[in-house]
Every structure is written in structure tokens, then in C-alpha cells.
PDB file of N, CA and C in Angstrom:
ATOM      1  N   UNK A   1     -19.465   1.888   8.596  1.00  0.00           N
ATOM      2  CA  UNK A   1     -18.223   2.137   7.913  1.00  0.00           C
ATOM      3  C   UNK A   1     -17.117   1.373   8.643  1.00  0.00           C
ATOM      4  N   UNK A   2     -16.403   0.547   7.923  1.00  0.00           N
ATOM      5  CA  UNK A   2     -15.307  -0.237   8.494  1.00  0.00           C
ATOM      6  C   UNK A   2     -14.018   0.563   8.343  1.00  0.00           C
ATOM      7  N   UNK A   3     -13.492   1.064   9.461  1.00  0.00           N
ATOM      8  CA  UNK A   3     -12.311   1.921   9.424  1.00  0.00           C
ATOM      9  C   UNK A   3     -11.084   1.204   8.884  1.00  0.00           C
ATOM     10  N   UNK A   4     -10.975  -0.094   9.124  1.00  0.00           N
ATOM     11  CA  UNK A   4      -9.787  -0.828   8.676  1.00  0.00           C
ATOM     12  C   UNK A   4      -9.690  -0.912   7.163  1.00  0.00           C
ATOM     13  N   UNK A   5     -10.768  -0.640   6.465  1.00  0.00           N
ATOM     14  CA  UNK A   5     -10.706  -0.632   5.006  1.00  0.00           C
ATOM     15  C   UNK A   5     -10.289   0.731   4.474  1.00  0.00           C
ATOM     16  N   UNK A   6     -10.275   1.740   5.321  1.00  0.00           N
ATOM     17  CA  UNK A   6      -9.953   3.094   4.887  1.00  0.00           C
ATOM     18  C   UNK A   6      -8.666   3.638   5.497  1.00  0.00           C
ATOM     19  N   UNK A   7      -8.282   3.124   6.658  1.00  0.00           N
ATOM     20  CA  UNK A   7      -7.126   3.654   7.387  1.00  0.00           C
ATOM     21  C   UNK A   7      -6.156   2.525   7.686  1.00  0.00           C
ATOM     22  N   UNK A   8      -4.872   2.799   7.469  1.00  0.00           N
ATOM     23  CA  UNK A   8      -3.847   1.800   7.749  1.00  0.00           C
ATOM     24  C   UNK A   8      -2.609   2.474   8.324  1.00  0.00           C
ATOM     25  N   UNK A   9      -1.798   1.694   9.001  1.00  0.00           N
ATOM     26  CA  UNK A   9      -0.521   2.147   9.518  1.00  0.00           C
ATOM     27  C   UNK A   9       0.557   1.309   8.850  1.00  0.00           C
ATOM     28  N   UNK A  10       1.507   1.975   8.208  1.00  0.00           N
ATOM     29  CA  UNK A  10       2.597   1.272   7.515  1.00  0.00           C
ATOM     30  C   UNK A  10       3.930   1.764   8.062  1.00  0.00           C
ATOM     31  N   UNK A  11       4.755   0.843   8.546  1.00  0.00           N
ATOM     32  CA  UNK A  11       6.072   1.252   9.018  1.00  0.00           C
ATOM     33  C   UNK A  11       6.842   1.962   7.897  1.00  0.00           C
ATOM     34  N   UNK A  12       7.482   3.052   8.241  1.00  0.00           N
ATOM     35  CA  UNK A  12       8.277   3.784   7.272  1.00  0.00           C
ATOM     36  C   UNK A  12       7.500   4.786   6.437  1.00  0.00           C
ATOM     37  N   UNK A  13       6.199   4.840   6.591  1.00  0.00           N
ATOM     38  CA  UNK A  13       5.384   5.806   5.865  1.00  0.00           C
ATOM     39  C   UNK A  13       4.844   6.806   6.873  1.00  0.00           C
ATOM     40  N   UNK A  14       5.243   8.060   6.702  1.00  0.00           N
ATOM     41  CA  UNK A  14       4.817   9.150   7.582  1.00  0.00           C
ATOM     42  C   UNK A  14       5.037   8.806   9.059  1.00  0.00           C
ATOM     43  N   UNK A  15       6.181   8.212   9.334  1.00  0.00           N
ATOM     44  CA  UNK A  15       6.597   7.856  10.701  1.00  0.00           C
ATOM     45  C   UNK A  15       5.624   6.898  11.383  1.00  0.00           C
ATOM     46  N   UNK A  16       4.939   6.078  10.596  1.00  0.00           N
ATOM     47  CA  UNK A  16       4.027   5.092  11.157  1.00  0.00           C
ATOM     48  C   UNK A  16       2.691   5.642  11.611  1.00  0.00           C
ATOM     49  N   UNK A  17       2.399   6.896  11.253  1.00  0.00           N
ATOM     50  CA  UNK A  17       1.104   7.484  11.626  1.00  0.00           C
ATOM     51  C   UNK A  17       0.004   6.870  10.769  1.00  0.00           C
ATOM     52  N   UNK A  18      -1.209   6.773  11.297  1.00  0.00           N
ATOM     53  CA  UNK A  18      -2.323   6.239  10.510  1.00  0.00           C
ATOM     54  C   UNK A  18      -2.574   7.098   9.267  1.00  0.00           C
ATOM     55  N   UNK A  19      -2.605   6.439   8.113  1.00  0.00           N
ATOM     56  CA  UNK A  19      -2.854   7.105   6.824  1.00  0.00           C
ATOM     57  C   UNK A  19      -4.057   6.454   6.159  1.00  0.00           C
ATOM     58  N   UNK A  20      -4.603   7.161   5.193  1.00  0.00           N
ATOM     59  CA  UNK A  20      -5.669   6.573   4.396  1.00  0.00           C
ATOM     60  C   UNK A  20      -5.046   5.584   3.422  1.00  0.00           C
ATOM     61  N   UNK A  21      -5.695   4.447   3.253  1.00  0.00           N
ATOM     62  CA  UNK A  21      -5.175   3.362   2.432  1.00  0.00           C
ATOM     63  C   UNK A  21      -4.797   3.883   1.047  1.00  0.00           C
ATOM     64  N   UNK A  22      -3.579   3.538   0.640  1.00  0.00           N
ATOM     65  CA  UNK A  22      -3.096   3.903  -0.681  1.00  0.00           C
ATOM     66  C   UNK A  22      -2.604   5.335  -0.816  1.00  0.00           C
ATOM     67  N   UNK A  23      -2.554   6.080   0.292  1.00  0.00           N
ATOM     68  CA  UNK A  23      -2.083   7.464   0.247  1.00  0.00           C
ATOM     69  C   UNK A  23      -1.042   7.684   1.335  1.00  0.00           C
ATOM     70  N   UNK A  24      -0.451   8.862   1.319  1.00  0.00           N
ATOM     71  CA  UNK A  24       0.437   9.283   2.403  1.00  0.00           C
ATOM     72  C   UNK A  24      -0.235  10.380   3.232  1.00  0.00           C
ATOM     73  N   UNK A  25      -1.534  10.545   3.079  1.00  0.00           N
ATOM     74  CA  UNK A  25      -2.292  11.553   3.820  1.00  0.00           C
ATOM     75  C   UNK A  25      -2.682  10.958   5.165  1.00  0.00           C
ATOM     76  N   UNK A  26      -2.241  11.611   6.243  1.00  0.00           N
ATOM     77  CA  UNK A  26      -2.533  11.067   7.568  1.00  0.00           C
ATOM     78  C   UNK A  26      -3.914  11.505   8.051  1.00  0.00           C
ATOM     79  N   UNK A  27      -4.434  10.708   8.959  1.00  0.00           N
ATOM     80  CA  UNK A  27      -5.697  11.046   9.617  1.00  0.00           C
ATOM     81  C   UNK A  27      -5.533  12.381  10.337  1.00  0.00           C
ATOM     82  N   UNK A  28      -4.381  12.565  10.966  1.00  0.00           N
ATOM     83  CA  UNK A  28      -4.131  13.800  11.700  1.00  0.00           C
ATOM     84  C   UNK A  28      -4.138  15.014  10.771  1.00  0.00           C
ATOM     85  N   UNK A  29      -3.615  14.867   9.539  1.00  0.00           N
ATOM     86  CA  UNK A  29      -3.668  15.961   8.564  1.00  0.00           C
ATOM     87  C   UNK A  29      -5.113  16.404   8.355  1.00  0.00           C
ATOM     88  N   UNK A  30      -5.981  15.434   8.136  1.00  0.00           N
ATOM     89  CA  UNK A  30      -7.391  15.735   7.871  1.00  0.00           C
ATOM     90  C   UNK A  30      -8.038  16.382   9.095  1.00  0.00           C
ATOM     91  N   UNK A  31      -7.733  15.873  10.271  1.00  0.00           N
ATOM     92  CA  UNK A  31      -8.290  16.471  11.485  1.00  0.00           C
ATOM     93  C   UNK A  31      -7.805  17.907  11.659  1.00  0.00           C
ATOM     94  N   UNK A  32      -6.545  18.160  11.313  1.00  0.00           N
ATOM     95  CA  UNK A  32      -6.018  19.535  11.377  1.00  0.00           C
ATOM     96  C   UNK A  32      -6.762  20.458  10.416  1.00  0.00           C
ATOM     97  N   UNK A  33      -7.050  19.964   9.211  1.00  0.00           N
ATOM     98  CA  UNK A  33      -7.794  20.775   8.250  1.00  0.00           C
ATOM     99  C   UNK A  33      -9.204  21.083   8.756  1.00  0.00           C
ATOM    100  N   UNK A  34      -9.847  20.098   9.369  1.00  0.00           N
ATOM    101  CA  UNK A  34     -11.181  20.322   9.935  1.00  0.00           C
ATOM    102  C   UNK A  34     -11.119  21.356  11.056  1.00  0.00           C
ATOM    103  N   UNK A  35     -10.116  21.246  11.904  1.00  0.00           N
ATOM    104  CA  UNK A  35      -9.950  22.197  13.013  1.00  0.00           C
ATOM    105  C   UNK A  35      -9.731  23.609  12.482  1.00  0.00           C
ATOM    106  N   UNK A  36      -9.050  23.710  11.344  1.00  0.00           N
ATOM    107  CA  UNK A  36      -8.778  25.019  10.742  1.00  0.00           C
ATOM    108  C   UNK A  36     -10.014  25.610  10.056  1.00  0.00           C
ATOM    109  N   UNK A  37     -11.089  24.821   9.980  1.00  0.00           N
ATOM    110  CA  UNK A  37     -12.339  25.347   9.441  1.00  0.00           C
ATOM    111  C   UNK A  37     -12.739  24.833   8.072  1.00  0.00           C
ATOM    112  N   UNK A  38     -11.954  23.932   7.499  1.00  0.00           N
ATOM    113  CA  UNK A  38     -12.345  23.373   6.199  1.00  0.00           C
ATOM    114  C   UNK A  38     -13.508  22.405   6.382  1.00  0.00           C
ATOM    115  N   UNK A  39     -14.343  22.316   5.366  1.00  0.00           N
ATOM    116  CA  UNK A  39     -15.451  21.369   5.393  1.00  0.00           C
ATOM    117  C   UNK A  39     -14.991  20.051   4.768  1.00  0.00           C
ATOM    118  N   UNK A  40     -15.707  18.956   5.049  1.00  0.00           N
ATOM    119  CA  UNK A  40     -15.356  17.684   4.408  1.00  0.00           C
ATOM    120  C   UNK A  40     -15.323  17.777   2.884  1.00  0.00           C
ATOM    121  N   UNK A  41     -16.250  18.504   2.290  1.00  0.00           N
ATOM    122  CA  UNK A  41     -16.252  18.614   0.827  1.00  0.00           C
ATOM    123  C   UNK A  41     -15.057  19.429   0.331  1.00  0.00           C
ATOM    124  N   UNK A  42     -14.621  20.434   1.068  1.00  0.00           N
ATOM    125  CA  UNK A  42     -13.435  21.196   0.673  1.00  0.00           C
ATOM    126  C   UNK A  42     -12.184  20.321   0.739  1.00  0.00           C
ATOM    127  N   UNK A  43     -12.089  19.509   1.777  1.00  0.00           N
ATOM    128  CA  UNK A  43     -10.939  18.614   1.917  1.00  0.00           C
ATOM    129  C   UNK A  43     -10.921  17.616   0.763  1.00  0.00           C
ATOM    130  N   UNK A  44     -12.075  17.024   0.484  1.00  0.00           N
ATOM    131  CA  UNK A  44     -12.163  16.062  -0.630  1.00  0.00           C
ATOM    132  C   UNK A  44     -11.845  16.741  -1.963  1.00  0.00           C
ATOM    133  N   UNK A  45     -12.204  17.999  -2.101  1.00  0.00           N
ATOM    134  CA  UNK A  45     -11.891  18.740  -3.326  1.00  0.00           C
ATOM    135  C   UNK A  45     -10.405  19.018  -3.475  1.00  0.00           C
ATOM    136  N   UNK A  46      -9.733  19.267  -2.360  1.00  0.00           N
ATOM    137  CA  UNK A  46      -8.291  19.539  -2.392  1.00  0.00           C
ATOM    138  C   UNK A  46      -7.464  18.263  -2.551  1.00  0.00           C
ATOM    139  N   UNK A  47      -8.013  17.146  -2.121  1.00  0.00           N
ATOM    140  CA  UNK A  47      -7.309  15.862  -2.188  1.00  0.00           C
ATOM    141  C   UNK A  47      -8.193  14.869  -2.940  1.00  0.00           C
ATOM    142  N   UNK A  48      -8.061  14.797  -4.260  1.00  0.00           N
ATOM    143  CA  UNK A  48      -8.952  13.954  -5.064  1.00  0.00           C
ATOM    144  C   UNK A  48      -8.924  12.474  -4.685  1.00  0.00           C
ATOM    145  N   UNK A  49      -7.838  12.026  -4.024  1.00  0.00           N
ATOM    146  CA  UNK A  49      -7.777  10.626  -3.619  1.00  0.00           C
ATOM    147  C   UNK A  49      -8.636  10.336  -2.386  1.00  0.00           C
ATOM    148  N   UNK A  50      -9.174  11.399  -1.757  1.00  0.00           N
ATOM    149  CA  UNK A  50     -10.052  11.234  -0.597  1.00  0.00           C
ATOM    150  C   UNK A  50     -11.480  11.596  -0.960  1.00  0.00           C
ATOM    151  N   UNK A  51     -12.406  10.941  -0.275  1.00  0.00           N
ATOM    152  CA  UNK A  51     -13.820  11.277  -0.408  1.00  0.00           C
ATOM    153  C   UNK A  51     -14.301  11.843   0.928  1.00  0.00           C
ATOM    154  N   UNK A  52     -15.502  12.330   0.947  1.00  0.00           N
ATOM    155  CA  UNK A  52     -16.061  12.801   2.211  1.00  0.00           C
ATOM    156  C   UNK A  52     -16.157  11.655   3.217  1.00  0.00           C
ATOM    157  N   UNK A  53     -16.312  10.425   2.727  1.00  0.00           N
ATOM    158  CA  UNK A  53     -16.335   9.248   3.610  1.00  0.00           C
ATOM    159  C   UNK A  53     -15.005   9.096   4.344  1.00  0.00           C
ATOM    160  N   UNK A  54     -13.902   9.397   3.658  1.00  0.00           N
ATOM    161  CA  UNK A  54     -12.596   9.342   4.313  1.00  0.00           C
ATOM    162  C   UNK A  54     -12.533  10.352   5.454  1.00  0.00           C
ATOM    163  N   UNK A  55     -13.049  11.545   5.209  1.00  0.00           N
ATOM    164  CA  UNK A  55     -13.028  12.575   6.243  1.00  0.00           C
ATOM    165  C   UNK A  55     -13.872  12.135   7.437  1.00  0.00           C
ATOM    166  N   UNK A  56     -15.013  11.543   7.176  1.00  0.00           N
ATOM    167  CA  UNK A  56     -15.862  11.048   8.278  1.00  0.00           C
ATOM    168  C   UNK A  56     -15.166   9.923   9.022  1.00  0.00           C
ATOM    169  N   UNK A  57     -14.400   9.095   8.309  1.00  0.00           N
ATOM    170  CA  UNK A  57     -13.649   8.016   8.965  1.00  0.00           C
ATOM    171  C   UNK A  57     -12.574   8.593   9.878  1.00  0.00           C
ATOM    172  N   UNK A  58     -11.980   9.709   9.479  1.00  0.00           N
ATOM    173  CA  UNK A  58     -10.968  10.360  10.327  1.00  0.00           C
ATOM    174  C   UNK A  58     -11.579  10.810  11.641  1.00  0.00           C
ATOM    175  N   UNK A  59     -12.769  11.353  11.576  1.00  0.00           N
ATOM    176  CA  UNK A  59     -13.462  11.822  12.775  1.00  0.00           C
ATOM    177  C   UNK A  59     -13.892  10.638  13.640  1.00  0.00           C
ATOM    178  N   UNK A  60     -14.356   9.575  12.996  1.00  0.00           N
ATOM    179  CA  UNK A  60     -14.825   8.396  13.734  1.00  0.00           C
ATOM    180  C   UNK A  60     -13.686   7.620  14.374  1.00  0.00           C
ATOM    181  N   UNK A  61     -12.500   7.709  13.754  1.00  0.00           N
ATOM    182  CA  UNK A  61     -11.353   6.926  14.221  1.00  0.00           C
ATOM    183  C   UNK A  61     -10.819   7.455  15.475  1.00  0.00           C
TER     184      UNK A  61
END
């Protein structure tokens, strides 16, 4: 999995935090949801613009 195709940093978007390409959802948001006990499939279900692959990229990043 190539992280650069899934995660980007854009000045002025979410204070420059790494986000998933084409979204304003930060990697840290996803990691917080995982820490709170959500599963990758639950996160993908709550955020249709993300897939379970995005969640795995957050962990790998």
C-alpha cells in the first residue's frame, strides 16, 4: 500500500495535519476512533469517503 496515494498534507486544511486525499478527515481522527474502540469497518461505515484500506493506512503511517 502506497501511503502517498492515500494521505496528503495541504497547507490551510485542518492546520496542515495529514488528511486522507480528497477529504478533510485527518489520520489522527481515525487513530482516535480506533483508540476509542471502533473497528475499521465501523469507521468506514460512518465515513463513506473512507474504506478499510484508509484505516489501515492510518495505522501504517
